[in-house]
Amino acid sequence: MDSLYFLIPIAVLFVALAVKVFFWAVNNGQYDDLETEGRRILFDDDLQASSSETEEKER
């Protein structure tokens, strides 16, 4: 029973910290654009390959 007096406040602090970090991320725009990063990961190589081919053709 004595350990609950120690563990419950620690759990409450962890939850409060997690909520604070979440609201900080939302307020700083971390969740504004969720689609661009996923598309950039999928299509980034194609853009680099086409730009390097264009540079080679210009030489």
C-alpha atoms as a PDB file:
ATOM      1  CA  MET A   1       0.000   0.000   0.000  1.00  0.00           C
ATOM      2  CA  ASP A   2       2.871   2.355   0.695  1.00  0.00           C
ATOM      3  CA  SER A   3       4.163   1.907  -2.842  1.00  0.00           C
ATOM      4  CA  LEU A   4       0.891   3.270  -4.249  1.00  0.00           C
ATOM      5  CA  TYR A   5       1.517   6.561  -2.479  1.00  0.00           C
ATOM      6  CA  PHE A   6       4.712   6.761  -4.491  1.00  0.00           C
ATOM      7  CA  LEU A   7       3.579   5.321  -7.833  1.00  0.00           C
ATOM      8  CA  ILE A   8       0.294   7.191  -8.305  1.00  0.00           C
ATOM      9  CA  PRO A   9       1.847  10.700  -8.166  1.00  0.00           C
ATOM     10  CA  ILE A  10       4.588   9.580 -10.558  1.00  0.00           C
ATOM     11  CA  ALA A  11       1.963   8.251 -12.978  1.00  0.00           C
ATOM     12  CA  VAL A  12       0.028  11.512 -12.723  1.00  0.00           C
ATOM     13  CA  LEU A  13       3.205  13.466 -13.465  1.00  0.00           C
ATOM     14  CA  PHE A  14       3.927  11.302 -16.533  1.00  0.00           C
ATOM     15  CA  VAL A  15       0.395  11.833 -17.840  1.00  0.00           C
ATOM     16  CA  ALA A  16       0.620  15.580 -17.243  1.00  0.00           C
ATOM     17  CA  LEU A  17       3.960  15.700 -19.036  1.00  0.00           C
ATOM     18  CA  ALA A  18       2.571  13.726 -21.987  1.00  0.00           C
ATOM     19  CA  VAL A  19      -0.430  16.067 -22.265  1.00  0.00           C
ATOM     20  CA  LYS A  20       1.843  19.104 -22.100  1.00  0.00           C
ATOM     21  CA  VAL A  21       4.135  17.740 -24.827  1.00  0.00           C
ATOM     22  CA  PHE A  22       1.128  16.896 -26.999  1.00  0.00           C
ATOM     23  CA  PHE A  23      -0.351  20.389 -26.739  1.00  0.00           C
ATOM     24  CA  TRP A  24       3.090  21.904 -27.353  1.00  0.00           C
ATOM     25  CA  ALA A  25       3.376  19.880 -30.563  1.00  0.00           C
ATOM     26  CA  VAL A  26      -0.106  20.889 -31.704  1.00  0.00           C
ATOM     27  CA  ASN A  27       0.525  24.569 -30.987  1.00  0.00           C
ATOM     28  CA  ASN A  28       3.849  24.504 -32.848  1.00  0.00           C
ATOM     29  CA  GLY A  29       2.310  23.073 -36.004  1.00  0.00           C
ATOM     30  CA  GLN A  30       3.672  19.555 -35.828  1.00  0.00           C
ATOM     31  CA  TYR A  31       0.343  18.114 -36.974  1.00  0.00           C
ATOM     32  CA  ASP A  32      -0.580  20.735 -39.576  1.00  0.00           C
ATOM     33  CA  ASP A  33       0.457  18.773 -42.667  1.00  0.00           C
ATOM     34  CA  LEU A  34       0.415  15.009 -42.238  1.00  0.00           C
ATOM     35  CA  GLU A  35       0.294  14.069 -45.935  1.00  0.00           C
ATOM     36  CA  THR A  36       3.397  15.756 -47.337  1.00  0.00           C
ATOM     37  CA  GLU A  37       5.964  13.754 -45.379  1.00  0.00           C
ATOM     38  CA  GLY A  38       4.394  10.442 -46.372  1.00  0.00           C
ATOM     39  CA  ARG A  39       4.400  11.421 -50.033  1.00  0.00           C
ATOM     40  CA  ARG A  40       7.932  12.782 -49.846  1.00  0.00           C
ATOM     41  CA  ILE A  41       9.201   9.481 -48.492  1.00  0.00           C
ATOM     42  CA  LEU A  42       7.523   7.579 -51.314  1.00  0.00           C
ATOM     43  CA  PHE A  43       8.375   9.892 -54.203  1.00  0.00           C
ATOM     44  CA  ASP A  44      11.618  11.591 -53.132  1.00  0.00           C
ATOM     45  CA  ASP A  45      13.898   9.244 -55.105  1.00  0.00           C
ATOM     46  CA  ASP A  46      12.016   9.909 -58.328  1.00  0.00           C
ATOM     47  CA  LEU A  47      12.533  13.642 -57.983  1.00  0.00           C
ATOM     48  CA  GLN A  48      16.248  13.289 -57.290  1.00  0.00           C
ATOM     49  CA  ALA A  49      16.758  10.884 -60.180  1.00  0.00           C
ATOM     50  CA  SER A  50      14.949  13.139 -62.664  1.00  0.00           C
ATOM     51  CA  SER A  51      16.864  16.225 -61.522  1.00  0.00           C
ATOM     52  CA  SER A  52      20.217  14.450 -61.839  1.00  0.00           C
ATOM     53  CA  GLU A  53      19.276  13.217 -65.324  1.00  0.00           C
ATOM     54  CA  THR A  54      18.394  16.779 -66.294  1.00  0.00           C
ATOM     55  CA  GLU A  55      21.749  18.037 -65.032  1.00  0.00           C
ATOM     56  CA  GLU A  56      23.591  15.376 -67.059  1.00  0.00           C
ATOM     57  CA  LYS A  57      21.703  16.297 -70.230  1.00  0.00           C
ATOM     58  CA  GLU A  58      22.599  19.964 -69.786  1.00  0.00           C
ATOM     59  CA  ARG A  59      26.336  19.177 -69.729  1.00  0.00           C
END
